[in-house]
Amino acid sequence: MDSRATTTPPPVGRRERNKQRVRERLFLSAVELFVEKGYDHTSIDEIAERADVARGTFFNYFQRKEDIITAWGERRRAALVTGLDEDSVLTPDSVARLQQCMAVLARINQEEPQLTTAMLTAWVKAGRPILEEPYVAEVFARIVDSGVRQGELNPGVSPIVVGNVLRDVYLGALYRWANRSSETTGSLAGELQQILRLLLDGMTGTTKS
């Protein structure tokens, strides 16, 4: 039997492609309006109008306006996974992987600074920092756990605790960056790496650059 028959996904039909296009149009229309008007001042009617669909069509793809935030978060998680996978062979040790993770997170945010700022505001107003699963913390924790098992990091550290700390300091740096003027937007990557070096002192006993 041809093994490709079991691994190649079936082609997407025209109906499904149309649905994907409508969903994408709604998503892009929503985030554009969030940037232009703010999350609170954007209505579902306005999103549907910009996407050139009926208001009811919005609810075929998103139950609430808040679901746009979830979709945005899912895209960022996918971008993080892709960014980490791209250079995984080049960064085998845990310290380099943590540095890479911070670099990818900085790049994701700095590629679309206005969108990031608008969506962070929406994310906080919708209560998502409390409700969402701590995905980024889990990514950090897995890297730290690997480093502990391989003897690269202090065996006394807790991967879960460190993962949560790294997520918290990342979000703190991100909020500060989002509230700065456009002239200083390039400082996020540097600040994240500096924070990481300070924490690595406690996990390795020495600073690694």
C-alpha atoms as a PDB file:
ATOM      1  CA  MET A   1       0.000   0.000   0.000  1.00  0.00           C
ATOM      2  CA  ASP A   2       1.228   3.505  -0.816  1.00  0.00           C
ATOM      3  CA  SER A   3       1.987   5.095   2.562  1.00  0.00           C
ATOM      4  CA  ARG A   4       1.179   8.522   1.180  1.00  0.00           C
ATOM      5  CA  ALA A   5      -2.463   7.528   1.007  1.00  0.00           C
ATOM      6  CA  THR A   6      -2.614   7.432   4.803  1.00  0.00           C
ATOM      7  CA  THR A   7      -0.633  10.612   5.480  1.00  0.00           C
ATOM      8  CA  THR A   8      -1.774  13.042   2.798  1.00  0.00           C
ATOM      9  CA  PRO A   9      -4.867  14.979   3.941  1.00  0.00           C
ATOM     10  CA  PRO A  10      -7.848  14.921   1.601  1.00  0.00           C
ATOM     11  CA  PRO A  11      -8.250  17.963  -0.642  1.00  0.00           C
ATOM     12  CA  VAL A  12     -10.391  20.749   0.734  1.00  0.00           C
ATOM     13  CA  GLY A  13     -13.674  21.089  -1.143  1.00  0.00           C
ATOM     14  CA  ARG A  14     -15.029  24.295  -2.609  1.00  0.00           C
ATOM     15  CA  ARG A  15     -17.620  24.691   0.147  1.00  0.00           C
ATOM     16  CA  GLU A  16     -15.002  24.400   2.859  1.00  0.00           C
ATOM     17  CA  ARG A  17     -12.673  26.803   1.053  1.00  0.00           C
ATOM     18  CA  ASN A  18     -15.496  29.337   0.868  1.00  0.00           C
ATOM     19  CA  LYS A  19     -16.143  28.938   4.587  1.00  0.00           C
ATOM     20  CA  GLN A  20     -12.468  29.449   5.349  1.00  0.00           C
ATOM     21  CA  ARG A  21     -12.413  32.604   3.227  1.00  0.00           C
ATOM     22  CA  VAL A  22     -15.456  34.050   4.985  1.00  0.00           C
ATOM     23  CA  ARG A  23     -14.018  33.269   8.411  1.00  0.00           C
ATOM     24  CA  GLU A  24     -10.726  34.884   7.440  1.00  0.00           C
ATOM     25  CA  ARG A  25     -12.522  37.956   6.112  1.00  0.00           C
ATOM     26  CA  LEU A  26     -14.473  38.310   9.336  1.00  0.00           C
ATOM     27  CA  PHE A  27     -11.358  37.907  11.446  1.00  0.00           C
ATOM     28  CA  LEU A  28      -9.339  40.444   9.461  1.00  0.00           C
ATOM     29  CA  SER A  29     -12.218  42.912   9.426  1.00  0.00           C
ATOM     30  CA  ALA A  30     -12.586  42.624  13.182  1.00  0.00           C
ATOM     31  CA  VAL A  31      -8.924  43.136  14.036  1.00  0.00           C
ATOM     32  CA  GLU A  32      -8.672  46.059  11.607  1.00  0.00           C
ATOM     33  CA  LEU A  33     -11.575  47.723  13.392  1.00  0.00           C
ATOM     34  CA  PHE A  34     -10.068  46.951  16.801  1.00  0.00           C
ATOM     35  CA  VAL A  35      -6.923  48.806  15.722  1.00  0.00           C
ATOM     36  CA  GLU A  36      -8.867  51.723  14.235  1.00  0.00           C
ATOM     37  CA  LYS A  37     -11.615  52.166  16.836  1.00  0.00           C
ATOM     38  CA  GLY A  38     -10.727  50.026  19.817  1.00  0.00           C
ATOM     39  CA  TYR A  39     -12.287  46.783  20.951  1.00  0.00           C
ATOM     40  CA  ASP A  40     -15.037  48.364  23.056  1.00  0.00           C
ATOM     41  CA  HIS A  41     -16.138  50.698  20.268  1.00  0.00           C
ATOM     42  CA  THR A  42     -16.385  48.030  17.578  1.00  0.00           C
ATOM     43  CA  SER A  43     -19.730  46.312  17.091  1.00  0.00           C
ATOM     44  CA  ILE A  44     -20.544  43.004  15.448  1.00  0.00           C
ATOM     45  CA  ASP A  45     -22.633  44.932  12.925  1.00  0.00           C
ATOM     46  CA  GLU A  46     -19.562  46.923  11.901  1.00  0.00           C
ATOM     47  CA  ILE A  47     -17.458  43.781  11.601  1.00  0.00           C
ATOM     48  CA  ALA A  48     -20.063  42.136   9.372  1.00  0.00           C
ATOM     49  CA  GLU A  49     -20.440  45.270   7.263  1.00  0.00           C
ATOM     50  CA  ARG A  50     -16.705  45.551   6.643  1.00  0.00           C
ATOM     51  CA  ALA A  51     -16.516  41.845   5.813  1.00  0.00           C
ATOM     52  CA  ASP A  52     -19.441  42.355   3.412  1.00  0.00           C
ATOM     53  CA  VAL A  53     -21.614  39.664   4.991  1.00  0.00           C
ATOM     54  CA  ALA A  54     -24.936  39.638   6.809  1.00  0.00           C
ATOM     55  CA  ARG A  55     -24.862  40.132  10.578  1.00  0.00           C
ATOM     56  CA  GLY A  56     -26.128  36.590  11.125  1.00  0.00           C
ATOM     57  CA  THR A  57     -23.196  35.195   9.162  1.00  0.00           C
ATOM     58  CA  PHE A  58     -20.846  36.373  11.901  1.00  0.00           C
ATOM     59  CA  PHE A  59     -22.477  33.951  14.342  1.00  0.00           C
ATOM     60  CA  ASN A  60     -21.906  31.044  11.992  1.00  0.00           C
ATOM     61  CA  TYR A  61     -18.192  31.416  12.698  1.00  0.00           C
ATOM     62  CA  PHE A  62     -17.883  33.193  16.056  1.00  0.00           C
ATOM     63  CA  GLN A  63     -20.358  32.966  18.933  1.00  0.00           C
ATOM     64  CA  ARG A  64     -19.262  36.257  20.458  1.00  0.00           C
ATOM     65  CA  LYS A  65     -17.008  39.189  19.676  1.00  0.00           C
ATOM     66  CA  GLU A  66     -14.618  37.828  22.306  1.00  0.00           C
ATOM     67  CA  ASP A  67     -14.015  34.780  20.120  1.00  0.00           C
ATOM     68  CA  ILE A  68     -11.994  36.984  17.773  1.00  0.00           C
ATOM     69  CA  ILE A  69      -9.507  37.342  20.636  1.00  0.00           C
ATOM     70  CA  THR A  70      -9.350  33.564  20.988  1.00  0.00           C
ATOM     71  CA  ALA A  71      -8.691  33.204  17.262  1.00  0.00           C
ATOM     72  CA  TRP A  72      -5.919  35.806  17.534  1.00  0.00           C
ATOM     73  CA  GLY A  73      -4.367  33.888  20.420  1.00  0.00           C
ATOM     74  CA  GLU A  74      -4.498  30.624  18.472  1.00  0.00           C
ATOM     75  CA  ARG A  75      -2.633  32.220  15.588  1.00  0.00           C
ATOM     76  CA  ARG A  76       0.048  33.507  17.908  1.00  0.00           C
ATOM     77  CA  ARG A  77       0.457  30.067  19.472  1.00  0.00           C
ATOM     78  CA  ALA A  78       0.839  28.543  16.005  1.00  0.00           C
ATOM     79  CA  ALA A  79       3.422  31.199  15.115  1.00  0.00           C
ATOM     80  CA  LEU A  80       5.365  30.399  18.301  1.00  0.00           C
ATOM     81  CA  VAL A  81       5.393  26.668  17.540  1.00  0.00           C
ATOM     82  CA  THR A  82       6.494  27.330  13.961  1.00  0.00           C
ATOM     83  CA  GLY A  83       9.219  29.720  15.075  1.00  0.00           C
ATOM     84  CA  LEU A  84      10.585  27.234  17.615  1.00  0.00           C
ATOM     85  CA  ASP A  85      10.492  24.353  15.153  1.00  0.00           C
ATOM     86  CA  GLU A  86      12.373  26.260  12.458  1.00  0.00           C
ATOM     87  CA  ASP A  87      15.639  26.447  14.406  1.00  0.00           C
ATOM     88  CA  SER A  88      15.240  23.485  16.766  1.00  0.00           C
ATOM     89  CA  VAL A  89      18.171  21.617  15.209  1.00  0.00           C
ATOM     90  CA  LEU A  90      20.403  24.666  15.658  1.00  0.00           C
ATOM     91  CA  THR A  91      19.474  25.178  19.311  1.00  0.00           C
ATOM     92  CA  PRO A  92      19.763  21.789  21.024  1.00  0.00           C
ATOM     93  CA  ASP A  93      20.534  22.996  24.567  1.00  0.00           C
ATOM     94  CA  SER A  94      17.891  24.359  26.884  1.00  0.00           C
ATOM     95  CA  VAL A  95      19.473  27.783  27.459  1.00  0.00           C
ATOM     96  CA  ALA A  96      19.593  28.442  23.723  1.00  0.00           C
ATOM     97  CA  ARG A  97      16.019  27.211  23.398  1.00  0.00           C
ATOM     98  CA  LEU A  98      14.841  29.630  26.080  1.00  0.00           C
ATOM     99  CA  GLN A  99      16.656  32.451  24.322  1.00  0.00           C
ATOM    100  CA  GLN A 100      15.088  31.382  21.040  1.00  0.00           C
ATOM    101  CA  CYS A 101      11.624  31.298  22.614  1.00  0.00           C
ATOM    102  CA  MET A 102      11.999  34.856  23.882  1.00  0.00           C
ATOM    103  CA  ALA A 103      13.292  35.967  20.474  1.00  0.00           C
ATOM    104  CA  VAL A 104      10.328  34.385  18.666  1.00  0.00           C
ATOM    105  CA  LEU A 105       7.855  35.976  21.086  1.00  0.00           C
ATOM    106  CA  ALA A 106       9.461  39.382  20.544  1.00  0.00           C
ATOM    107  CA  ARG A 107       9.324  38.957  16.779  1.00  0.00           C
ATOM    108  CA  ILE A 108       5.654  37.936  16.793  1.00  0.00           C
ATOM    109  CA  ASN A 109       4.728  41.102  18.677  1.00  0.00           C
ATOM    110  CA  GLN A 110       7.044  43.492  16.858  1.00  0.00           C
ATOM    111  CA  GLU A 111       5.869  42.398  13.403  1.00  0.00           C
ATOM    112  CA  GLU A 112       2.460  44.020  14.054  1.00  0.00           C
ATOM    113  CA  PRO A 113       2.900  46.506  16.906  1.00  0.00           C
ATOM    114  CA  GLN A 114      -0.421  48.338  16.451  1.00  0.00           C
ATOM    115  CA  LEU A 115      -2.389  45.105  16.257  1.00  0.00           C
ATOM    116  CA  THR A 116      -0.559  43.700  19.274  1.00  0.00           C
ATOM    117  CA  THR A 117      -1.370  46.784  21.348  1.00  0.00           C
ATOM    118  CA  ALA A 118      -5.034  46.779  20.318  1.00  0.00           C
ATOM    119  CA  MET A 119      -5.469  43.065  20.945  1.00  0.00           C
ATOM    120  CA  LEU A 120      -3.660  43.141  24.289  1.00  0.00           C
ATOM    121  CA  THR A 121      -6.124  45.794  25.416  1.00  0.00           C
ATOM    122  CA  ALA A 122      -9.017  43.659  24.207  1.00  0.00           C
ATOM    123  CA  TRP A 123      -7.493  40.564  25.824  1.00  0.00           C
ATOM    124  CA  VAL A 124      -7.306  42.242  29.229  1.00  0.00           C
ATOM    125  CA  LYS A 125     -10.787  43.803  29.014  1.00  0.00           C
ATOM    126  CA  ALA A 126     -12.300  40.435  28.150  1.00  0.00           C
ATOM    127  CA  GLY A 127     -10.679  38.877  31.227  1.00  0.00           C
ATOM    128  CA  ARG A 128      -8.583  36.479  29.176  1.00  0.00           C
ATOM    129  CA  PRO A 129      -5.408  36.641  31.307  1.00  0.00           C
ATOM    130  CA  ILE A 130      -7.407  34.846  34.008  1.00  0.00           C
ATOM    131  CA  LEU A 131      -9.520  32.558  31.825  1.00  0.00           C
ATOM    132  CA  GLU A 132      -7.045  31.318  29.224  1.00  0.00           C
ATOM    133  CA  GLU A 133      -4.757  28.338  29.657  1.00  0.00           C
ATOM    134  CA  PRO A 134      -1.132  29.409  30.320  1.00  0.00           C
ATOM    135  CA  TYR A 135       0.181  28.048  27.010  1.00  0.00           C
ATOM    136  CA  VAL A 136       3.380  30.099  26.935  1.00  0.00           C
ATOM    137  CA  ALA A 137       4.176  29.024  30.500  1.00  0.00           C
ATOM    138  CA  GLU A 138       3.855  25.399  29.417  1.00  0.00           C
ATOM    139  CA  VAL A 139       6.255  25.963  26.516  1.00  0.00           C
ATOM    140  CA  PHE A 140       8.814  27.467  28.881  1.00  0.00           C
ATOM    141  CA  ALA A 141       8.255  24.681  31.420  1.00  0.00           C
ATOM    142  CA  ARG A 142       8.908  21.945  28.846  1.00  0.00           C
ATOM    143  CA  ILE A 143      12.212  23.548  27.866  1.00  0.00           C
ATOM    144  CA  VAL A 144      13.253  23.953  31.499  1.00  0.00           C
ATOM    145  CA  ASP A 145      12.271  20.359  32.296  1.00  0.00           C
ATOM    146  CA  SER A 146      14.439  19.139  29.433  1.00  0.00           C
ATOM    147  CA  GLY A 147      17.329  21.246  30.704  1.00  0.00           C
ATOM    148  CA  VAL A 148      16.985  19.865  34.222  1.00  0.00           C
ATOM    149  CA  ARG A 149      16.883  16.257  32.984  1.00  0.00           C
ATOM    150  CA  GLN A 150      19.957  16.826  30.804  1.00  0.00           C
ATOM    151  CA  GLY A 151      21.893  18.455  33.623  1.00  0.00           C
ATOM    152  CA  GLU A 152      22.032  21.858  31.935  1.00  0.00           C
ATOM    153  CA  LEU A 153      19.942  23.602  34.584  1.00  0.00           C
ATOM    154  CA  ASN A 154      19.900  23.461  38.376  1.00  0.00           C
ATOM    155  CA  PRO A 155      18.135  20.227  39.449  1.00  0.00           C
ATOM    156  CA  GLY A 156      16.489  22.105  42.313  1.00  0.00           C
ATOM    157  CA  VAL A 157      14.343  24.316  40.090  1.00  0.00           C
ATOM    158  CA  SER A 158      10.720  23.505  39.365  1.00  0.00           C
ATOM    159  CA  PRO A 159       9.946  23.625  35.624  1.00  0.00           C
ATOM    160  CA  ILE A 160       6.335  24.620  36.306  1.00  0.00           C
ATOM    161  CA  VAL A 161       7.310  27.444  38.644  1.00  0.00           C
ATOM    162  CA  VAL A 162       9.978  28.726  36.277  1.00  0.00           C
ATOM    163  CA  GLY A 163       7.576  28.455  33.340  1.00  0.00           C
ATOM    164  CA  ASN A 164       5.020  30.571  35.161  1.00  0.00           C
ATOM    165  CA  VAL A 165       7.646  33.129  36.196  1.00  0.00           C
ATOM    166  CA  LEU A 166       8.933  33.430  32.632  1.00  0.00           C
ATOM    167  CA  ARG A 167       5.403  33.875  31.319  1.00  0.00           C
ATOM    168  CA  ASP A 168       4.678  36.543  33.928  1.00  0.00           C
ATOM    169  CA  VAL A 169       7.820  38.548  33.214  1.00  0.00           C
ATOM    170  CA  TYR A 170       7.238  38.164  29.464  1.00  0.00           C
ATOM    171  CA  LEU A 171       3.726  39.592  29.780  1.00  0.00           C
ATOM    172  CA  GLY A 172       4.978  42.395  32.013  1.00  0.00           C
ATOM    173  CA  ALA A 173       7.624  43.364  29.462  1.00  0.00           C
ATOM    174  CA  LEU A 174       5.049  43.082  26.671  1.00  0.00           C
ATOM    175  CA  TYR A 175       2.605  45.429  28.411  1.00  0.00           C
ATOM    176  CA  ARG A 176       5.362  47.981  29.034  1.00  0.00           C
ATOM    177  CA  TRP A 177       6.483  47.763  25.408  1.00  0.00           C
ATOM    178  CA  ALA A 178       2.919  48.162  24.118  1.00  0.00           C
ATOM    179  CA  ASN A 179       2.502  51.382  26.091  1.00  0.00           C
ATOM    180  CA  ARG A 180       5.704  52.990  24.869  1.00  0.00           C
ATOM    181  CA  SER A 181       5.995  55.345  21.927  1.00  0.00           C
ATOM    182  CA  SER A 182       6.684  53.928  18.478  1.00  0.00           C
ATOM    183  CA  GLU A 183      10.253  55.225  18.748  1.00  0.00           C
ATOM    184  CA  THR A 184      11.119  52.595  21.346  1.00  0.00           C
ATOM    185  CA  THR A 185       9.233  49.570  20.006  1.00  0.00           C
ATOM    186  CA  GLY A 186      12.481  47.864  19.064  1.00  0.00           C
ATOM    187  CA  SER A 187      13.482  47.376  22.707  1.00  0.00           C
ATOM    188  CA  LEU A 188      11.198  44.412  23.467  1.00  0.00           C
ATOM    189  CA  ALA A 189      13.620  41.736  22.250  1.00  0.00           C
ATOM    190  CA  GLY A 190      16.502  43.235  24.239  1.00  0.00           C
ATOM    191  CA  GLU A 191      14.452  43.528  27.410  1.00  0.00           C
ATOM    192  CA  LEU A 192      13.236  39.928  27.179  1.00  0.00           C
ATOM    193  CA  GLN A 193      16.771  38.612  26.710  1.00  0.00           C
ATOM    194  CA  GLN A 194      18.024  40.702  29.654  1.00  0.00           C
ATOM    195  CA  ILE A 195      15.256  39.336  31.872  1.00  0.00           C
ATOM    196  CA  LEU A 196      16.112  35.813  30.791  1.00  0.00           C
ATOM    197  CA  ARG A 197      19.821  36.279  31.554  1.00  0.00           C
ATOM    198  CA  LEU A 198      18.977  37.450  35.062  1.00  0.00           C
ATOM    199  CA  LEU A 199      16.841  34.359  35.668  1.00  0.00           C
ATOM    200  CA  LEU A 200      19.448  32.052  34.145  1.00  0.00           C
ATOM    201  CA  ASP A 201      21.900  33.178  36.830  1.00  0.00           C
ATOM    202  CA  GLY A 202      19.747  31.382  39.366  1.00  0.00           C
ATOM    203  CA  MET A 203      19.141  28.319  37.186  1.00  0.00           C
ATOM    204  CA  THR A 204      22.682  27.691  35.950  1.00  0.00           C
ATOM    205  CA  GLY A 205      24.920  29.500  38.408  1.00  0.00           C
ATOM    206  CA  THR A 206      26.382  31.584  35.596  1.00  0.00           C
ATOM    207  CA  THR A 207      25.139  33.990  32.982  1.00  0.00           C
ATOM    208  CA  LYS A 208      25.057  32.641  29.426  1.00  0.00           C
ATOM    209  CA  SER A 209      24.775  35.038  26.533  1.00  0.00           C
END
